[in-house]
Protein backbone atom coordinates (compact mmCIF):
# COMPACT_ATOMS: atom_id res chain seq x y z
CA MET A 1 114.38 187.71 17.08
CA PHE A 2 114.41 184.42 14.86
CA GLY A 3 114.26 182.49 18.14
CA ILE A 4 117.60 183.54 19.31
CA ARG A 5 117.71 184.29 22.99
CA PHE A 6 120.41 185.57 25.34
CA ILE A 7 120.72 184.10 28.76
CA LYS A 8 122.50 185.77 31.72
CA VAL A 9 122.27 184.07 35.21
CA GLU A 10 123.48 185.20 38.61
CA PRO A 11 126.49 183.60 40.36
CA THR A 12 124.06 182.11 42.83
CA ASP A 13 122.20 180.29 40.11
CA PHE A 14 123.26 177.10 38.26
CA VAL A 15 122.11 176.78 34.69
CA LEU A 16 121.69 173.72 32.62
CA GLN A 17 121.37 173.96 28.84
CA PHE A 18 119.73 170.93 27.33
CA LYS A 19 119.57 170.18 23.54
CA ASN A 20 118.13 167.32 22.06
CA GLY A 21 118.07 165.67 25.57
CA LYS A 22 121.75 166.30 26.21
CA ILE A 23 123.53 168.75 28.46
CA VAL A 24 125.47 171.10 26.10
CA ARG A 25 126.32 173.79 28.73
CA GLU A 26 126.28 174.01 32.57
CA GLY A 27 127.64 176.22 35.27
CA ALA A 28 126.89 179.12 37.65
CA GLY A 29 126.73 182.78 36.47
CA LEU A 30 126.86 181.91 32.80
CA SER A 31 125.73 184.18 29.96
CA PHE A 32 125.23 182.96 26.50
CA PHE A 33 123.11 182.93 23.32
CA CYS A 34 120.88 179.98 22.61
CA TYR A 35 118.17 179.03 20.02
CA ALA A 36 115.02 178.81 21.88
CA PRO A 37 112.88 176.27 19.82
CA THR A 38 115.58 173.51 20.30
CA THR A 39 116.85 174.59 23.79
CA SER A 40 115.62 173.73 27.33
CA LEU A 41 117.13 175.78 30.25
CA VAL A 42 117.11 174.51 33.72
CA LEU A 43 117.80 177.07 36.38
CA VAL A 44 118.64 175.78 39.87
CA PRO A 45 119.31 178.42 42.70
CA VAL A 46 122.41 177.36 44.64
CA GLY A 47 122.50 180.14 47.14
CA SER A 48 121.42 179.68 50.67
CA VAL A 49 117.69 179.99 51.34
CA ASP A 50 115.96 180.82 54.56
CA VAL A 51 112.58 178.96 55.11
CA PRO A 52 110.56 179.98 58.12
CA PHE A 53 108.09 177.51 59.56
CA ILE A 54 105.40 177.40 62.20
CA PHE A 55 103.20 174.44 62.99
CA GLU A 56 101.40 172.91 65.88
CA GLU A 57 102.11 169.59 67.60
CA VAL A 58 101.30 167.56 70.70
CA THR A 59 103.75 166.67 73.46
CA ALA A 60 103.96 163.38 75.38
CA ASP A 61 101.38 164.54 78.01
CA PHE A 62 99.02 165.56 75.16
CA GLN A 63 99.44 169.29 75.43
CA GLN A 64 99.34 171.26 72.16
CA VAL A 65 102.30 173.46 71.41
CA THR A 66 103.16 175.78 68.58
CA VAL A 67 106.61 175.44 67.29
CA GLN A 68 108.19 178.37 65.38
CA GLY A 69 111.58 178.33 63.73
CA GLN A 70 113.60 178.71 60.56
CA LEU A 71 115.42 176.31 58.09
CA THR A 72 118.47 177.40 56.10
CA TYR A 73 119.58 175.28 53.16
CA ARG A 74 121.34 175.30 49.73
CA VAL A 75 121.50 173.05 46.68
CA VAL A 76 124.96 171.40 46.54
CA ASN A 77 124.07 169.08 43.56
CA PRO A 78 121.94 170.91 40.96
CA LYS A 79 122.16 167.99 38.47
CA LYS A 80 120.60 165.60 41.00
CA ILE A 81 117.70 167.95 42.02
CA ALA A 82 117.20 168.71 38.30
CA GLN A 83 116.52 165.05 37.68
CA LEU A 84 113.99 164.82 40.42
CA MET A 85 112.20 168.19 40.22
CA ASN A 86 111.31 170.45 37.34
CA PHE A 87 113.31 173.78 37.38
CA THR A 88 112.77 174.53 33.59
CA LEU A 89 112.51 178.04 32.76
CA SER A 90 109.55 179.37 30.67
CA SER A 91 110.02 181.15 27.47
CA ASN A 92 110.15 184.65 29.27
CA ASP A 93 113.20 183.40 31.33
CA LYS A 94 111.64 184.82 34.49
CA THR A 95 109.24 182.00 35.63
CA TYR A 96 109.29 178.23 35.88
CA THR A 97 107.13 175.98 33.78
CA SER A 98 106.04 174.05 36.85
CA ASP A 99 105.48 174.77 40.63
CA ASP A 100 108.14 172.32 41.91
CA PRO A 101 110.57 175.11 42.96
CA ASN A 102 107.88 176.39 45.28
CA LYS A 103 107.17 172.97 46.54
CA LEU A 104 110.81 172.39 47.64
CA PRO A 105 110.54 174.52 50.87
CA GLN A 106 107.36 172.83 51.80
CA ARG A 107 108.92 169.52 51.34
CA LEU A 108 111.70 170.48 53.77
CA ILE A 109 109.10 171.98 56.17
CA ASN A 110 107.03 168.78 56.09
CA HIS A 111 109.99 166.74 56.86
CA THR A 112 111.05 169.11 59.60
CA GLN A 113 107.52 168.81 61.17
CA VAL A 114 107.77 164.95 61.01
CA LEU A 115 111.07 165.03 62.87
CA THR A 116 109.67 167.60 65.32
CA ARG A 117 106.60 165.44 66.09
CA ALA A 118 108.68 162.36 66.65
CA SER A 119 110.82 164.33 69.12
CA LEU A 120 107.93 165.98 71.04
CA LYS A 121 106.10 162.66 71.42
CA THR A 122 108.87 161.69 73.85
CA LEU A 123 108.90 164.91 75.80
CA ALA A 124 106.45 166.34 78.41
CA LEU A 125 105.21 169.86 78.09
CA ARG A 126 107.79 171.27 80.68
CA ASP A 127 110.58 169.35 79.12
CA ALA A 128 109.64 170.61 75.56
CA LEU A 129 109.54 174.19 76.72
CA GLY A 130 112.87 174.04 78.47
CA GLN A 131 114.91 171.73 76.14
CA SER A 132 114.75 173.68 72.88
CA ASP A 133 118.48 173.33 72.42
CA SER A 134 118.42 169.58 72.54
CA LEU A 135 115.39 169.55 70.27
CA VAL A 136 117.33 171.71 67.65
CA SER A 137 120.33 169.43 67.82
CA THR A 138 118.07 166.30 67.18
CA LEU A 139 116.22 168.02 64.33
CA ARG A 140 119.44 169.29 62.70
CA GLN A 141 121.02 165.78 62.85
CA GLY A 142 117.93 164.21 61.31
CA MET A 143 117.68 166.73 58.50
CA GLN A 144 121.28 166.11 57.60
CA THR A 145 121.03 162.38 57.53
CA ALA A 146 117.53 162.25 55.97
CA GLU A 147 117.30 160.20 52.75
CA LEU A 148 114.91 162.82 51.21
CA ILE A 149 117.39 165.59 51.75
CA THR A 150 120.45 163.74 50.46
CA SER A 151 118.64 162.35 47.40
CA LEU A 152 117.80 165.95 46.36
CA GLY A 153 121.34 167.07 46.74
CA ILE A 154 120.54 169.55 49.39
CA GLU A 155 122.60 170.48 52.39
CA VAL A 156 120.98 171.91 55.60
CA LEU A 157 123.04 174.82 56.70
CA ALA A 158 121.24 175.71 59.87
CA LEU A 159 117.96 174.97 61.82
CA SER A 160 116.83 177.12 64.75
CA ILE A 161 113.77 176.83 67.05
CA LEU A 162 112.60 180.49 67.68
CA ALA A 163 109.78 179.67 70.02
CA ILE A 164 107.83 176.79 71.46
CA LYS A 165 104.57 178.09 72.95
CA PRO A 166 101.73 176.26 74.54
CA THR A 167 98.11 177.26 74.09
CA PRO A 168 97.04 180.47 75.91
CA GLU A 169 95.15 178.47 78.73
CA THR A 170 98.04 176.33 79.25
CA ALA A 171 100.41 179.04 79.40
CA ARG A 172 98.28 180.80 82.00
CA ALA A 173 98.25 177.81 84.07
CA LEU A 174 101.97 177.29 83.76
CA GLU A 175 102.46 180.89 84.59
CA ALA A 176 100.20 180.44 87.66
CA ASP A 177 102.12 177.43 88.71
CA ALA A 178 105.58 179.19 88.04
CA ARG A 179 104.12 182.17 89.95
CA GLU A 180 103.04 180.08 92.89
CA LEU A 181 106.48 178.40 92.84
CA ILE A 182 108.21 181.80 92.74
CA LEU A 183 105.93 183.08 95.57
CA ARG A 184 106.56 179.87 97.50
CA LYS A 185 110.32 180.38 97.05
CA ALA A 186 109.92 184.01 98.05
CA ASP A 187 108.08 182.98 101.13
CA GLU A 188 110.80 180.45 101.85
CA ALA A 189 113.27 183.05 101.32
CA VAL A 190 111.50 185.23 103.71
CA TYR A 191 111.20 182.44 106.19
CA ALA A 192 114.84 181.65 105.66
CA ARG A 193 115.80 185.23 106.13
CA ARG A 194 113.75 185.42 109.35
CA ASN A 195 115.26 182.20 110.57
CA SER A 196 118.65 183.53 109.77
CA ALA A 197 117.81 186.68 111.69
CA VAL A 198 116.60 184.66 114.54
CA GLU A 199 119.80 182.38 114.43
CA GLN A 200 121.85 185.47 114.24
CA GLU A 201 119.97 187.12 117.21
CA ARG A 202 120.40 183.90 119.20
CA ALA A 203 124.04 183.69 118.19
CA ILE A 204 124.45 187.34 119.42
CA LYS A 205 122.61 186.61 122.66
CA GLU A 206 124.85 183.67 123.25
CA ASN A 207 127.92 185.58 122.39
CA GLU A 208 126.76 188.15 124.91
CA LEU A 209 126.13 185.61 127.55
CA LYS A 210 129.39 184.02 126.86
CA THR A 211 131.03 187.34 127.20
CA GLU A 212 129.27 188.19 130.44
CA ILE A 213 130.26 184.69 131.70
CA ALA A 214 133.80 185.23 130.70
CA VAL A 215 133.86 188.77 132.32
CA GLU A 216 132.42 187.28 135.57
CA ASN A 217 134.98 184.38 135.51
CA LYS A 218 137.71 187.10 134.96
CA LYS A 219 136.27 189.21 137.84
CA ARG A 220 136.22 186.02 140.10
CA GLN A 221 139.76 185.15 138.97
CA ILE A 222 140.81 188.76 139.88
CA LYS A 223 139.02 188.60 143.18
CA GLU A 224 140.59 185.25 143.85
CA ALA A 225 144.02 186.65 142.82
CA GLN A 226 143.49 189.57 145.06
CA MET A 227 142.33 187.46 147.87
CA ASP A 228 145.36 185.19 147.46
CA ALA A 229 147.59 188.15 147.34
CA GLU A 230 145.99 189.71 150.55
CA LYS A 231 146.18 186.17 152.13
CA SER A 232 149.81 186.09 151.18
CA VAL A 233 150.37 189.63 152.49
CA GLN A 234 148.50 188.73 155.69
CA GLN A 235 150.56 185.53 155.99
CA LYS A 236 153.73 187.56 155.46
CA LYS A 237 152.70 190.02 158.11
CA HIS A 238 151.80 187.20 160.42
CA GLU A 239 155.28 185.76 159.88
CA ILE A 240 156.76 189.13 160.37
CA ARG A 241 154.80 189.62 163.63
CA GLU A 242 155.76 186.10 164.75
CA ALA A 243 159.27 186.80 163.84
CA GLU A 244 159.22 190.16 165.73
CA MET A 245 157.61 188.33 168.74
CA ALA A 246 160.20 185.64 168.64
CA ALA A 247 162.79 188.19 168.47
CA LYS A 248 161.31 190.08 171.43
CA ILE A 249 160.95 186.97 173.36
CA ALA A 250 164.48 186.06 172.70
CA LEU A 251 165.58 189.72 173.51
CA GLU A 252 163.46 189.54 176.81
CA LYS A 253 165.04 186.17 177.47
CA LYS A 254 168.39 187.73 177.02
CA ASN A 255 167.37 190.76 179.07
CA LYS A 256 166.06 188.30 181.76
CA ASP A 257 169.33 186.63 181.64
CA LEU A 258 171.16 189.98 181.65
CA VAL A 259 169.07 191.15 184.64
CA GLY A 260 169.69 188.02 186.46
CA LEU A 261 173.43 188.12 185.67
CA THR A 262 173.38 191.84 186.66
CA THR A 263 171.58 191.06 189.79
CA ALA A 264 173.88 188.21 190.55
CA ASN A 265 176.83 190.50 189.80
CA ALA A 266 175.35 193.35 191.96
CA ARG A 267 174.71 190.84 194.69
CA GLU A 268 178.06 189.54 194.56
CA GLU A 269 179.47 193.14 194.20
CA ALA A 270 177.34 194.06 197.20
CA ASP A 271 178.50 191.01 199.08
CA THR A 272 182.06 191.81 198.25
CA LYS A 273 181.54 195.48 199.37
CA ALA A 274 179.73 194.35 202.56
CA TYR A 275 182.49 191.86 203.14
CA GLY A 276 185.02 194.72 202.67
CA ILE A 277 183.05 197.16 204.81
CA ALA A 278 182.55 194.44 207.48
CA ALA A 279 186.26 193.73 207.35
CA VAL A 280 187.01 197.45 207.50
CA MET A 281 184.48 197.86 210.47
CA LYS A 282 185.88 194.94 212.09
CA ALA A 283 189.34 196.39 211.77
CA LEU A 284 188.02 199.84 212.91
CA SER A 285 186.08 198.41 215.72
CA GLN A 286 189.49 197.33 217.26
CA SER A 287 191.07 200.78 216.62
CA ASP A 288 191.13 203.75 219.02
CA PRO A 289 188.37 206.23 218.35
CA MET A 290 190.62 209.08 218.44
CA THR A 291 192.83 207.62 215.92
CA LEU A 292 189.74 207.00 213.63
CA GLN A 293 188.69 210.57 214.13
CA ALA A 294 192.13 211.81 213.33
CA LEU A 295 192.13 209.77 210.09
CA VAL A 296 188.77 211.18 209.22
CA SER A 297 189.95 214.78 209.70
CA VAL A 298 192.87 214.37 207.29
CA GLY A 299 192.21 216.66 204.32
CA MET A 300 189.36 218.53 206.06
CA GLN A 301 189.07 222.36 205.77
CA PRO A 302 189.94 224.64 208.75
CA GLY A 303 186.33 225.30 209.57
CA GLN A 304 185.47 221.67 209.61
CA LEU A 305 188.40 221.10 211.98
CA VAL A 306 187.27 223.89 214.28
CA ALA A 307 183.77 222.54 214.20
CA LEU A 308 185.18 219.08 215.25
CA ALA A 309 187.11 220.88 217.99
CA PHE A 310 183.93 222.53 219.27
CA LYS A 311 182.14 219.27 219.17
CA ALA A 312 185.00 217.62 221.28
CA LEU A 313 184.84 220.55 223.69
CA ALA A 314 181.03 220.11 223.95
CA GLU A 315 181.38 216.48 224.70
CA ASN A 316 183.88 217.16 227.60
CA SER A 317 182.16 220.37 228.82
CA GLU A 318 181.90 219.07 232.27
CA LYS A 319 185.68 218.77 232.51
CA ILE A 320 186.19 222.38 231.26
CA GLY A 321 185.81 225.18 233.87
CA GLN A 322 186.08 228.21 231.60
CA LEU A 323 186.45 228.57 227.76
CA ASN A 324 187.60 231.78 226.09
CA ILE A 325 187.20 231.99 222.21
CA SER A 326 188.82 234.90 220.47
CA PRO A 327 186.49 236.98 218.10
CA ASP A 328 189.32 236.93 215.61
CA LEU A 329 189.15 233.35 215.14
CA LEU A 330 185.33 233.34 214.35
CA ARG A 331 185.73 236.45 212.12
CA GLU A 332 188.57 234.64 210.13
CA LEU A 333 186.28 231.53 209.76
CA LEU A 334 183.31 233.69 208.50
CA ALA A 335 185.56 235.54 205.93
CA ARG A 336 186.66 232.27 204.55
CA ASP A 337 183.19 231.01 204.29
CA ASN A 338 181.98 234.10 202.53
CA SER A 339 184.90 234.02 200.16
CA LYS A 340 183.82 230.54 199.02
């Protein structure tokens, strides 16, 4: 009505009110009335914006890859970008009078593609596929220091590479190569496992042989110890027998000496007895036989005396004319013999 319009912007939008070529009001999240015929409104979004991108590039080894990622940015200096790009609102306050706001993301994507191309030209395909983190770091640093970005008053908040994919044919070739490498490593693992098993088996056999050798050495040592012990026992027995024989020899020598001494003593004793008997016989030979007979008869029994008397009578029988012996004498002698 009458050209009066009410403006209300969001906190994430920065509004500039121009009147007669001068800024009369500016700020984020403002609401105000203005006169449309003499007022120009510039609305710059200052919130963060996510811009996905996907493009194809060539690596250093001339392999085509598809790079997919996302760029996050925000406007930190609305006045600067308002001077370089047209963010003027139309009369309906809902659209812009130019397509510059829609071109801004594409400008950033184009610059990102330029930096990506420069980085991929120095990387081979395998390096490009495996070094996305270093590529992201390079791209982020290049975007933050780019003159185009700073001149527009834009701050790059984040940049991420979601995927770097080769062409399907190249991918299949890489997969085949990787598959062969994996299979080769699997075969090497199998061979290594078999070699390890063979080595383990050999080690076990060697340990068994060493154990058998050690057991045989122990048995030999035991046999040698037993033989040494038996030899020592035999030697001890031999020494004992030798000692016994020496003792017996010494005993026999002593017995021999004793026998000789006994014989000598017996001989001397016999000689002494013979000498005494000879002396006695010599003395008796000079004595009267009747005297000797009388000496012998000393201590004899009456019967012995009677027998001697009868013997003397028998020897002198030629001198006896007649001999009468009383029966009482004989009876008395027989009675004494029976009593004994």
